[in-house]
Amino acid sequence: MSQPAALDLASAEPLLRRLELTVRNKLDGLLQGNYLGLIPGPGGEAGETRPYVPGDDVRRMDWPVTARTTQPYVRQTVADRELETWVAVDLSPSLDFGTVTSEKRELVLAGLTAVAHLTVRGGNRIGAIVTSGEDTYRIPARPGLLHARRLIRQVALTPRASTAARGDLASALDQLRRPPRRRGLIVVISDFLGDTEWQRPLRALSARHQLLGIEVLDPRELELPAVGLMTLTDPETGQQLEVQTSSTDLRARYAEAALAQRIEIATALRHSGAAHLRLRTDRDWIADVVRFVIARRHAAPVGTRVAEAR
């Protein structure tokens, strides 16, 4: 199969316009509110302490002061109305694949558009680290809808890497750790295929930031169709393998291995402290985003439960 051509500006504009209209029309009516956010939680900087009164949240107990004075104290927080969001965008060759209504790469753009729409309000800033396997570049975090649109357009026009390029999501996440950034939201959009070296830098980011992992996948990555002899190609190494998909046993073993892989990814995200949103090329992604945000509003505080759109 030949390598798909990179999006040019003429072909990217209709796609981006359609994504923006879809997000605006469907999300605005269902998810209103400037500061509801993708992952609700106590966002603010630590302030002064005061004596505890019945009804205070015990999670805000200031234990050092309580120990020194032998009286219960709680730590107040200063509300931080401006949110800084950084998105790690994975555009490695494994994303140049899709068998239903779109490629996974287009689903990455859809997720990025939704994140930008739900976070860029009231002076909030958004930036991105984009990795294609061959190149990694940074888009500075700035406020405003115009900047968000330019960011999405620049990601859409990122050239596709060759089939011999392997993505390096861990390196992209490391760039978000150094230098340390103000507390905010880190979103990772990827298929998370390959090793889980990205788990360590993601877990380190959880000490200062709220985390969201958006996993994109295609149904053919979960099960093989019975279509006879098929040649499979690893998009990041170019290695090919011929398989006989008429074999029921082979399809069963493939599905079992694929399920184990997805469980491993979900477990790694959970252990990193990240919320988990799954988008599929054979589903209505906007409905999955809506279900996820609504579920997060009613979920336990960040770090105690993970909500996932299945």
C-alpha atoms as a PDB file:
ATOM      1  CA  MET A   1       0.000   0.000   0.000  1.00  0.00           C
ATOM      2  CA  SER A   2       1.385   3.407  -0.923  1.00  0.00           C
ATOM      3  CA  GLN A   3       2.092   6.025   1.733  1.00  0.00           C
ATOM      4  CA  PRO A   4      -0.751   8.580   1.990  1.00  0.00           C
ATOM      5  CA  ALA A   5       0.174  12.068   0.939  1.00  0.00           C
ATOM      6  CA  ALA A   6       0.496  14.824   3.513  1.00  0.00           C
ATOM      7  CA  LEU A   7      -2.411  17.205   3.920  1.00  0.00           C
ATOM      8  CA  ASP A   8      -1.981  20.442   2.034  1.00  0.00           C
ATOM      9  CA  LEU A   9      -3.674  23.686   3.013  1.00  0.00           C
ATOM     10  CA  ALA A  10      -6.447  23.274   0.440  1.00  0.00           C
ATOM     11  CA  SER A  11      -7.440  19.823   1.705  1.00  0.00           C
ATOM     12  CA  ALA A  12      -6.854  20.660   5.366  1.00  0.00           C
ATOM     13  CA  GLU A  13      -9.153  23.693   5.507  1.00  0.00           C
ATOM     14  CA  PRO A  14     -12.430  21.821   4.776  1.00  0.00           C
ATOM     15  CA  LEU A  15     -11.515  19.157   7.339  1.00  0.00           C
ATOM     16  CA  LEU A  16     -10.662  21.732  10.015  1.00  0.00           C
ATOM     17  CA  ARG A  17     -13.773  23.782   9.259  1.00  0.00           C
ATOM     18  CA  ARG A  18     -15.943  20.670   9.542  1.00  0.00           C
ATOM     19  CA  LEU A  19     -14.306  19.699  12.848  1.00  0.00           C
ATOM     20  CA  GLU A  20     -14.743  23.197  14.282  1.00  0.00           C
ATOM     21  CA  LEU A  21     -18.393  23.414  13.239  1.00  0.00           C
ATOM     22  CA  THR A  22     -19.100  19.949  14.645  1.00  0.00           C
ATOM     23  CA  VAL A  23     -17.486  20.795  17.979  1.00  0.00           C
ATOM     24  CA  ARG A  24     -19.121  24.210  18.200  1.00  0.00           C
ATOM     25  CA  ASN A  25     -22.622  23.027  17.287  1.00  0.00           C
ATOM     26  CA  LYS A  26     -22.676  19.866  19.416  1.00  0.00           C
ATOM     27  CA  LEU A  27     -20.491  20.766  22.389  1.00  0.00           C
ATOM     28  CA  ASP A  28     -21.741  24.322  22.944  1.00  0.00           C
ATOM     29  CA  GLY A  29     -25.282  23.126  23.495  1.00  0.00           C
ATOM     30  CA  LEU A  30     -24.346  20.308  25.873  1.00  0.00           C
ATOM     31  CA  LEU A  31     -21.230  21.461  27.706  1.00  0.00           C
ATOM     32  CA  GLN A  32     -21.742  25.113  28.546  1.00  0.00           C
ATOM     33  CA  GLY A  33     -19.718  26.984  31.152  1.00  0.00           C
ATOM     34  CA  ASN A  34     -16.358  28.690  30.942  1.00  0.00           C
ATOM     35  CA  TYR A  35     -14.595  26.858  33.750  1.00  0.00           C
ATOM     36  CA  LEU A  36     -16.137  23.391  33.852  1.00  0.00           C
ATOM     37  CA  GLY A  37     -13.164  21.930  32.037  1.00  0.00           C
ATOM     38  CA  LEU A  38     -12.336  18.461  30.805  1.00  0.00           C
ATOM     39  CA  ILE A  39     -11.163  17.297  34.226  1.00  0.00           C
ATOM     40  CA  PRO A  40     -12.912  19.124  37.080  1.00  0.00           C
ATOM     41  CA  GLY A  41     -10.915  19.450  40.273  1.00  0.00           C
ATOM     42  CA  PRO A  42      -9.543  21.915  42.824  1.00  0.00           C
ATOM     43  CA  GLY A  43      -7.503  24.230  40.627  1.00  0.00           C
ATOM     44  CA  GLY A  44      -5.584  26.850  42.560  1.00  0.00           C
ATOM     45  CA  GLU A  45      -2.399  27.801  44.326  1.00  0.00           C
ATOM     46  CA  ALA A  46      -1.871  27.182  48.031  1.00  0.00           C
ATOM     47  CA  GLY A  47      -2.796  30.150  50.232  1.00  0.00           C
ATOM     48  CA  GLU A  48      -2.933  30.837  53.968  1.00  0.00           C
ATOM     49  CA  THR A  49      -4.069  28.470  56.702  1.00  0.00           C
ATOM     50  CA  ARG A  50      -7.034  28.928  59.044  1.00  0.00           C
ATOM     51  CA  PRO A  51      -8.595  26.897  61.866  1.00  0.00           C
ATOM     52  CA  TYR A  52     -10.679  23.919  60.823  1.00  0.00           C
ATOM     53  CA  VAL A  53     -14.453  24.218  61.142  1.00  0.00           C
ATOM     54  CA  PRO A  54     -16.947  21.357  60.783  1.00  0.00           C
ATOM     55  CA  GLY A  55     -17.782  20.840  57.131  1.00  0.00           C
ATOM     56  CA  ASP A  56     -14.331  21.698  55.767  1.00  0.00           C
ATOM     57  CA  ASP A  57     -12.848  19.290  53.259  1.00  0.00           C
ATOM     58  CA  VAL A  58     -10.460  17.078  55.240  1.00  0.00           C
ATOM     59  CA  ARG A  59      -8.294  16.689  52.123  1.00  0.00           C
ATOM     60  CA  ARG A  60      -7.225  20.310  52.670  1.00  0.00           C
ATOM     61  CA  MET A  61      -5.943  19.699  56.173  1.00  0.00           C
ATOM     62  CA  ASP A  62      -2.603  21.414  56.785  1.00  0.00           C
ATOM     63  CA  TRP A  63      -0.957  18.617  58.729  1.00  0.00           C
ATOM     64  CA  PRO A  64       2.388  20.357  59.516  1.00  0.00           C
ATOM     65  CA  VAL A  65       0.575  23.324  61.131  1.00  0.00           C
ATOM     66  CA  THR A  66      -1.880  20.992  62.853  1.00  0.00           C
ATOM     67  CA  ALA A  67       1.007  19.003  64.327  1.00  0.00           C
ATOM     68  CA  ARG A  68       2.820  22.127  65.589  1.00  0.00           C
ATOM     69  CA  THR A  69      -0.219  23.747  67.183  1.00  0.00           C
ATOM     70  CA  THR A  70      -2.129  20.563  68.185  1.00  0.00           C
ATOM     71  CA  GLN A  71      -5.203  22.280  66.722  1.00  0.00           C
ATOM     72  CA  PRO A  72      -6.729  21.325  63.346  1.00  0.00           C
ATOM     73  CA  TYR A  73      -5.971  23.736  60.503  1.00  0.00           C
ATOM     74  CA  VAL A  74      -6.886  23.709  56.810  1.00  0.00           C
ATOM     75  CA  ARG A  75      -4.989  25.220  53.902  1.00  0.00           C
ATOM     76  CA  GLN A  76      -6.916  27.751  51.826  1.00  0.00           C
ATOM     77  CA  THR A  77      -6.406  27.996  48.083  1.00  0.00           C
ATOM     78  CA  VAL A  78      -6.230  31.012  45.819  1.00  0.00           C
ATOM     79  CA  ALA A  79      -8.368  30.408  42.754  1.00  0.00           C
ATOM     80  CA  ASP A  80      -6.437  30.240  39.505  1.00  0.00           C
ATOM     81  CA  ARG A  81      -8.821  31.384  36.799  1.00  0.00           C
ATOM     82  CA  GLU A  82      -6.349  30.982  33.954  1.00  0.00           C
ATOM     83  CA  LEU A  83      -5.591  27.462  32.790  1.00  0.00           C
ATOM     84  CA  GLU A  84      -2.520  26.519  30.787  1.00  0.00           C
ATOM     85  CA  THR A  85      -3.026  23.410  28.682  1.00  0.00           C
ATOM     86  CA  TRP A  86      -0.250  21.537  26.900  1.00  0.00           C
ATOM     87  CA  VAL A  87      -1.076  18.829  24.379  1.00  0.00           C
ATOM     88  CA  ALA A  88       1.408  16.116  23.423  1.00  0.00           C
ATOM     89  CA  VAL A  89       0.336  15.150  19.895  1.00  0.00           C
ATOM     90  CA  ASP A  90       1.552  11.825  18.494  1.00  0.00           C
ATOM     91  CA  LEU A  91       1.597  11.741  14.662  1.00  0.00           C
ATOM     92  CA  SER A  92       3.906   8.750  14.239  1.00  0.00           C
ATOM     93  CA  PRO A  93       3.319   6.457  11.223  1.00  0.00           C
ATOM     94  CA  SER A  94       1.066   4.095  13.196  1.00  0.00           C
ATOM     95  CA  LEU A  95      -1.533   6.905  13.203  1.00  0.00           C
ATOM     96  CA  ASP A  96      -1.651   6.897   9.370  1.00  0.00           C
ATOM     97  CA  PHE A  97      -4.128   4.040   9.422  1.00  0.00           C
ATOM     98  CA  GLY A  98      -7.900   3.698   9.289  1.00  0.00           C
ATOM     99  CA  THR A  99     -10.417   1.256   7.876  1.00  0.00           C
ATOM    100  CA  VAL A 100     -13.788   2.853   8.647  1.00  0.00           C
ATOM    101  CA  THR A 101     -14.759   6.521   8.300  1.00  0.00           C
ATOM    102  CA  SER A 102     -11.362   8.148   8.842  1.00  0.00           C
ATOM    103  CA  GLU A 103      -7.706   7.625   9.627  1.00  0.00           C
ATOM    104  CA  LYS A 104      -6.551   7.674  13.221  1.00  0.00           C
ATOM    105  CA  ARG A 105      -4.579  10.800  12.296  1.00  0.00           C
ATOM    106  CA  GLU A 106      -7.849  12.645  11.605  1.00  0.00           C
ATOM    107  CA  LEU A 107      -9.180  11.418  14.936  1.00  0.00           C
ATOM    108  CA  VAL A 108      -6.122  12.959  16.606  1.00  0.00           C
ATOM    109  CA  LEU A 109      -7.093  16.295  15.033  1.00  0.00           C
ATOM    110  CA  ALA A 110     -10.665  15.811  16.233  1.00  0.00           C
ATOM    111  CA  GLY A 111      -9.492  15.220  19.798  1.00  0.00           C
ATOM    112  CA  LEU A 112      -7.173  18.232  19.625  1.00  0.00           C
ATOM    113  CA  THR A 113     -10.009  20.427  18.333  1.00  0.00           C
ATOM    114  CA  ALA A 114     -12.281  19.334  21.191  1.00  0.00           C
ATOM    115  CA  VAL A 115      -9.568  19.972  23.799  1.00  0.00           C
ATOM    116  CA  ALA A 116      -8.867  23.428  22.373  1.00  0.00           C
ATOM    117  CA  HIS A 117     -12.565  24.310  22.296  1.00  0.00           C
ATOM    118  CA  LEU A 118     -13.136  23.188  25.888  1.00  0.00           C
ATOM    119  CA  THR A 119     -10.085  24.906  27.384  1.00  0.00           C
ATOM    120  CA  VAL A 120      -9.366  28.136  25.448  1.00  0.00           C
ATOM    121  CA  ARG A 121     -11.686  30.553  27.207  1.00  0.00           C
ATOM    122  CA  GLY A 122     -11.275  33.497  29.528  1.00  0.00           C
ATOM    123  CA  GLY A 123      -7.567  34.018  28.908  1.00  0.00           C
ATOM    124  CA  ASN A 124      -6.653  30.326  29.102  1.00  0.00           C
ATOM    125  CA  ARG A 125      -3.599  29.309  27.083  1.00  0.00           C
ATOM    126  CA  ILE A 126      -2.887  26.242  24.970  1.00  0.00           C
ATOM    127  CA  GLY A 127       0.356  24.944  23.496  1.00  0.00           C
ATOM    128  CA  ALA A 128       1.529  21.692  21.945  1.00  0.00           C
ATOM    129  CA  ILE A 129       4.470  19.351  21.534  1.00  0.00           C
ATOM    130  CA  VAL A 130       4.102  17.504  18.222  1.00  0.00           C
ATOM    131  CA  THR A 131       6.110  14.387  17.371  1.00  0.00           C
ATOM    132  CA  SER A 132       5.970  12.561  14.049  1.00  0.00           C
ATOM    133  CA  GLY A 133       8.756  10.055  14.593  1.00  0.00           C
ATOM    134  CA  GLU A 134      11.100  11.994  12.325  1.00  0.00           C
ATOM    135  CA  ASP A 135      10.682  15.396  13.896  1.00  0.00           C
ATOM    136  CA  THR A 136       9.479  16.969  17.145  1.00  0.00           C
ATOM    137  CA  TYR A 137       8.529  20.620  17.452  1.00  0.00           C
ATOM    138  CA  ARG A 138       6.903  22.927  19.992  1.00  0.00           C
ATOM    139  CA  ILE A 139       4.040  25.376  19.543  1.00  0.00           C
ATOM    140  CA  PRO A 140       4.175  27.973  22.370  1.00  0.00           C
ATOM    141  CA  ALA A 141       1.208  28.296  24.724  1.00  0.00           C
ATOM    142  CA  ARG A 142      -0.793  31.446  24.025  1.00  0.00           C
ATOM    143  CA  PRO A 143      -4.360  32.560  24.725  1.00  0.00           C
ATOM    144  CA  GLY A 144      -7.164  33.137  22.306  1.00  0.00           C
ATOM    145  CA  LEU A 145      -9.263  31.317  19.765  1.00  0.00           C
ATOM    146  CA  LEU A 146      -7.197  32.578  16.833  1.00  0.00           C
ATOM    147  CA  HIS A 147      -4.065  31.028  18.316  1.00  0.00           C
ATOM    148  CA  ALA A 148      -5.924  27.759  18.937  1.00  0.00           C
ATOM    149  CA  ARG A 149      -7.004  27.677  15.292  1.00  0.00           C
ATOM    150  CA  ARG A 150      -3.463  28.325  14.089  1.00  0.00           C
ATOM    151  CA  LEU A 151      -2.197  25.576  16.388  1.00  0.00           C
ATOM    152  CA  ILE A 152      -4.682  23.031  15.021  1.00  0.00           C
ATOM    153  CA  ARG A 153      -3.897  24.062  11.433  1.00  0.00           C
ATOM    154  CA  GLN A 154      -0.158  23.692  12.016  1.00  0.00           C
ATOM    155  CA  VAL A 155      -0.662  20.204  13.483  1.00  0.00           C
ATOM    156  CA  ALA A 156      -2.883  19.236  10.532  1.00  0.00           C
ATOM    157  CA  LEU A 157      -0.165  20.271   8.072  1.00  0.00           C
ATOM    158  CA  THR A 158       2.600  18.316   9.826  1.00  0.00           C
ATOM    159  CA  PRO A 159       4.262  16.135   7.143  1.00  0.00           C
ATOM    160  CA  ARG A 160       3.816  12.403   7.470  1.00  0.00           C
ATOM    161  CA  ALA A 161       6.910  10.499   8.523  1.00  0.00           C
ATOM    162  CA  SER A 162       8.394   7.665   6.483  1.00  0.00           C
ATOM    163  CA  THR A 163       7.480   4.081   7.287  1.00  0.00           C
ATOM    164  CA  ALA A 164      10.893   3.561   8.916  1.00  0.00           C
ATOM    165  CA  ALA A 165      10.297   6.200  11.605  1.00  0.00           C
ATOM    166  CA  ARG A 166       9.369   5.121  15.123  1.00  0.00           C
ATOM    167  CA  GLY A 167       7.484   7.523  17.360  1.00  0.00           C
ATOM    168  CA  ASP A 168       9.049   8.741  20.596  1.00  0.00           C
ATOM    169  CA  LEU A 169       6.212   9.815  22.865  1.00  0.00           C
ATOM    170  CA  ALA A 170       8.408   9.568  25.988  1.00  0.00           C
ATOM    171  CA  SER A 171      10.818  12.190  24.600  1.00  0.00           C
ATOM    172  CA  ALA A 172       7.927  14.543  23.816  1.00  0.00           C
ATOM    173  CA  LEU A 173       6.611  14.230  27.373  1.00  0.00           C
ATOM    174  CA  ASP A 174      10.086  14.879  28.762  1.00  0.00           C
ATOM    175  CA  GLN A 175      10.051  18.226  26.972  1.00  0.00           C
ATOM    176  CA  LEU A 176       6.974  19.165  28.998  1.00  0.00           C
ATOM    177  CA  ARG A 177       8.851  18.489  32.233  1.00  0.00           C
ATOM    178  CA  ARG A 178      11.881  20.660  31.521  1.00  0.00           C
ATOM    179  CA  PRO A 179      11.709  23.454  32.345  1.00  0.00           C
ATOM    180  CA  PRO A 180       8.933  23.017  34.987  1.00  0.00           C
ATOM    181  CA  ARG A 181       5.714  24.745  33.946  1.00  0.00           C
ATOM    182  CA  ARG A 182       2.940  26.307  35.960  1.00  0.00           C
ATOM    183  CA  ARG A 183       0.296  23.900  37.151  1.00  0.00           C
ATOM    184  CA  GLY A 184      -2.251  23.102  34.475  1.00  0.00           C
ATOM    185  CA  LEU A 185      -3.601  20.374  32.219  1.00  0.00           C
ATOM    186  CA  ILE A 186      -1.484  17.950  30.182  1.00  0.00           C
ATOM    187  CA  VAL A 187      -3.293  16.085  27.389  1.00  0.00           C
ATOM    188  CA  VAL A 188      -1.648  13.211  25.501  1.00  0.00           C
ATOM    189  CA  ILE A 189      -3.249  12.174  22.190  1.00  0.00           C
ATOM    190  CA  SER A 190      -1.837   8.920  20.799  1.00  0.00           C
ATOM    191  CA  ASP A 191      -2.597   5.306  20.008  1.00  0.00           C
ATOM    192  CA  PHE A 192       0.018   4.379  22.665  1.00  0.00           C
ATOM    193  CA  LEU A 193       1.232   1.445  20.560  1.00  0.00           C
ATOM    194  CA  GLY A 194       4.667  -0.048  21.184  1.00  0.00           C
ATOM    195  CA  ASP A 195       6.467   0.029  24.513  1.00  0.00           C
ATOM    196  CA  THR A 196       5.263   1.955  27.573  1.00  0.00           C
ATOM    197  CA  GLU A 197       8.383   4.063  28.140  1.00  0.00           C
ATOM    198  CA  TRP A 198       6.054   7.084  28.105  1.00  0.00           C
ATOM    199  CA  GLN A 199       4.603   5.998  31.461  1.00  0.00           C
ATOM    200  CA  ARG A 200       7.540   7.249  33.537  1.00  0.00           C
ATOM    201  CA  PRO A 201       7.595  10.887  32.287  1.00  0.00           C
ATOM    202  CA  LEU A 202       3.789  10.972  32.376  1.00  0.00           C
ATOM    203  CA  ARG A 203       3.771   9.850  36.004  1.00  0.00           C
ATOM    204  CA  ALA A 204       6.356  12.549  36.807  1.00  0.00           C
ATOM    205  CA  LEU A 205       4.083  15.179  35.241  1.00  0.00           C
ATOM    206  CA  SER A 206       1.211  14.108  37.505  1.00  0.00           C
ATOM    207  CA  ALA A 207       2.995  15.685  40.489  1.00  0.00           C
ATOM    208  CA  ARG A 208       2.173  19.183  39.152  1.00  0.00           C
ATOM    209  CA  HIS A 209      -0.520  18.751  36.522  1.00  0.00           C
ATOM    210  CA  GLN A 210      -3.863  17.160  35.834  1.00  0.00           C
ATOM    211  CA  LEU A 211      -3.506  14.530  33.111  1.00  0.00           C
ATOM    212  CA  LEU A 212      -5.721  13.266  30.313  1.00  0.00           C
ATOM    213  CA  GLY A 213      -4.807  10.485  27.907  1.00  0.00           C
ATOM    214  CA  ILE A 214      -6.812  10.339  24.662  1.00  0.00           C
ATOM    215  CA  GLU A 215      -6.348   6.937  23.033  1.00  0.00           C
ATOM    216  CA  VAL A 216      -7.274   6.594  19.357  1.00  0.00           C
ATOM    217  CA  LEU A 217      -7.782   3.239  17.698  1.00  0.00           C
ATOM    218  CA  ASP A 218      -9.292   1.449  14.733  1.00  0.00           C
ATOM    219  CA  PRO A 219     -11.462  -1.699  15.036  1.00  0.00           C
ATOM    220  CA  ARG A 220      -9.027  -3.670  12.839  1.00  0.00           C
ATOM    221  CA  GLU A 221      -6.491  -3.236  15.631  1.00  0.00           C
ATOM    222  CA  LEU A 222      -8.796  -5.225  17.884  1.00  0.00           C
ATOM    223  CA  GLU A 223      -9.803  -8.061  15.579  1.00  0.00           C
ATOM    224  CA  LEU A 224      -8.959  -9.366  12.121  1.00  0.00           C
ATOM    225  CA  PRO A 225     -11.575  -9.898   9.401  1.00  0.00           C
ATOM    226  CA  ALA A 226     -11.807 -13.305   7.724  1.00  0.00           C
ATOM    227  CA  VAL A 227     -10.596 -12.247   4.254  1.00  0.00           C
ATOM    228  CA  GLY A 228      -8.070 -14.971   3.464  1.00  0.00           C
ATOM    229  CA  LEU A 229      -4.361 -14.316   2.950  1.00  0.00           C
ATOM    230  CA  MET A 230      -3.388 -10.839   4.159  1.00  0.00           C
ATOM    231  CA  THR A 231      -0.073  -8.975   4.225  1.00  0.00           C
ATOM    232  CA  LEU A 232       0.392  -6.915   7.380  1.00  0.00           C
ATOM    233  CA  THR A 233       2.970  -4.104   7.514  1.00  0.00           C
ATOM    234  CA  ASP A 234       4.422  -2.480  10.620  1.00  0.00           C
ATOM    235  CA  PRO A 235       4.203   1.241   9.692  1.00  0.00           C
ATOM    236  CA  GLU A 236       7.088   2.187  11.990  1.00  0.00           C
ATOM    237  CA  THR A 237       9.596  -0.468  10.860  1.00  0.00           C
ATOM    238  CA  GLY A 238       8.367  -1.507   7.410  1.00  0.00           C
ATOM    239  CA  GLN A 239       8.456  -5.185   8.438  1.00  0.00           C
ATOM    240  CA  GLN A 240       5.861  -7.314   6.643  1.00  0.00           C
ATOM    241  CA  LEU A 241       4.105 -10.521   7.635  1.00  0.00           C
ATOM    242  CA  GLU A 242       1.706 -12.697   5.649  1.00  0.00           C
ATOM    243  CA  VAL A 243      -1.112 -14.230   7.679  1.00  0.00           C
ATOM    244  CA  GLN A 244      -4.018 -16.492   6.781  1.00  0.00           C
ATOM    245  CA  THR A 245      -7.008 -14.737   8.331  1.00  0.00           C
ATOM    246  CA  SER A 246      -9.357 -17.606   7.457  1.00  0.00           C
ATOM    247  CA  SER A 247      -7.944 -19.386  10.516  1.00  0.00           C
ATOM    248  CA  THR A 248     -10.388 -19.043  13.405  1.00  0.00           C
ATOM    249  CA  ASP A 249      -7.644 -19.882  15.891  1.00  0.00           C
ATOM    250  CA  LEU A 250      -5.354 -17.149  14.524  1.00  0.00           C
ATOM    251  CA  ARG A 251      -8.105 -14.511  14.701  1.00  0.00           C
ATOM    252  CA  ALA A 252      -8.925 -15.548  18.256  1.00  0.00           C
ATOM    253  CA  ARG A 253      -5.286 -15.301  19.332  1.00  0.00           C
ATOM    254  CA  TYR A 254      -4.975 -11.900  17.631  1.00  0.00           C
ATOM    255  CA  ALA A 255      -8.069 -10.591  19.434  1.00  0.00           C
ATOM    256  CA  GLU A 256      -6.775 -11.921  22.742  1.00  0.00           C
ATOM    257  CA  ALA A 257      -3.376 -10.254  22.266  1.00  0.00           C
ATOM    258  CA  ALA A 258      -5.027  -6.980  21.186  1.00  0.00           C
ATOM    259  CA  LEU A 259      -7.255  -6.983  24.263  1.00  0.00           C
ATOM    260  CA  ALA A 260      -4.250  -7.609  26.523  1.00  0.00           C
ATOM    261  CA  GLN A 261      -2.439  -4.698  24.865  1.00  0.00           C
ATOM    262  CA  ARG A 262      -5.357  -2.317  25.450  1.00  0.00           C
ATOM    263  CA  ILE A 263      -5.638  -3.407  29.065  1.00  0.00           C
ATOM    264  CA  GLU A 264      -1.925  -2.716  29.499  1.00  0.00           C
ATOM    265  CA  ILE A 265      -2.359   0.787  28.038  1.00  0.00           C
ATOM    266  CA  ALA A 266      -5.357   1.534  30.276  1.00  0.00           C
ATOM    267  CA  THR A 267      -3.472   0.261  33.325  1.00  0.00           C
ATOM    268  CA  ALA A 268      -0.404   2.368  32.487  1.00  0.00           C
ATOM    269  CA  LEU A 269      -2.547   5.505  32.145  1.00  0.00           C
ATOM    270  CA  ARG A 270      -4.341   4.769  35.406  1.00  0.00           C
ATOM    271  CA  HIS A 271      -1.080   4.200  37.277  1.00  0.00           C
ATOM    272  CA  SER A 272       0.197   7.502  35.872  1.00  0.00           C
ATOM    273  CA  GLY A 273      -2.783   9.298  37.386  1.00  0.00           C
ATOM    274  CA  ALA A 274      -4.305  10.175  34.007  1.00  0.00           C
ATOM    275  CA  ALA A 275      -7.964  10.168  33.066  1.00  0.00           C
ATOM    276  CA  HIS A 276      -8.622   8.021  30.000  1.00  0.00           C
ATOM    277  CA  LEU A 277     -10.739   8.869  26.960  1.00  0.00           C
ATOM    278  CA  ARG A 278     -10.942   6.373  24.104  1.00  0.00           C
ATOM    279  CA  LEU A 279     -11.896   7.481  20.571  1.00  0.00           C
ATOM    280  CA  ARG A 280     -12.511   5.006  17.731  1.00  0.00           C
ATOM    281  CA  THR A 281     -12.720   5.475  13.982  1.00  0.00           C
ATOM    282  CA  ASP A 282     -15.954   3.455  13.889  1.00  0.00           C
ATOM    283  CA  ARG A 283     -17.770   5.503  16.525  1.00  0.00           C
ATOM    284  CA  ASP A 284     -19.190   9.001  16.930  1.00  0.00           C
ATOM    285  CA  TRP A 285     -16.174  10.656  18.571  1.00  0.00           C
ATOM    286  CA  ILE A 286     -18.089  13.776  19.564  1.00  0.00           C
ATOM    287  CA  ALA A 287     -20.584  11.635  21.511  1.00  0.00           C
ATOM    288  CA  ASP A 288     -17.687   9.909  23.282  1.00  0.00           C
ATOM    289  CA  VAL A 289     -16.232  13.299  24.264  1.00  0.00           C
ATOM    290  CA  VAL A 290     -19.609  14.461  25.603  1.00  0.00           C
ATOM    291  CA  ARG A 291     -20.093  11.264  27.622  1.00  0.00           C
ATOM    292  CA  PHE A 292     -16.577  11.561  29.006  1.00  0.00           C
ATOM    293  CA  VAL A 293     -16.953  15.188  30.149  1.00  0.00           C
ATOM    294  CA  ILE A 294     -20.352  14.521  31.735  1.00  0.00           C
ATOM    295  CA  ALA A 295     -18.962  11.454  33.504  1.00  0.00           C
ATOM    296  CA  ARG A 296     -16.013  13.486  34.819  1.00  0.00           C
ATOM    297  CA  ARG A 297     -18.369  16.060  36.299  1.00  0.00           C
ATOM    298  CA  HIS A 298     -20.019  13.357  38.384  1.00  0.00           C
ATOM    299  CA  ALA A 299     -16.854  11.377  39.041  1.00  0.00           C
ATOM    300  CA  ALA A 300     -14.801  11.249  42.213  1.00  0.00           C
ATOM    301  CA  PRO A 301     -11.995  13.812  42.647  1.00  0.00           C
ATOM    302  CA  VAL A 302      -9.033  13.558  40.294  1.00  0.00           C
ATOM    303  CA  GLY A 303      -6.661  10.776  41.272  1.00  0.00           C
ATOM    304  CA  THR A 304      -9.322   8.589  42.911  1.00  0.00           C
ATOM    305  CA  ARG A 305     -11.235   7.340  39.902  1.00  0.00           C
ATOM    306  CA  VAL A 306     -10.732   7.189  36.162  1.00  0.00           C
ATOM    307  CA  ALA A 307     -13.643   7.761  33.804  1.00  0.00           C
ATOM    308  CA  GLU A 308     -13.393   6.308  30.336  1.00  0.00           C
ATOM    309  CA  ALA A 309     -15.698   6.544  27.325  1.00  0.00           C
ATOM    310  CA  ARG A 310     -16.023   3.018  26.034  1.00  0.00           C
END
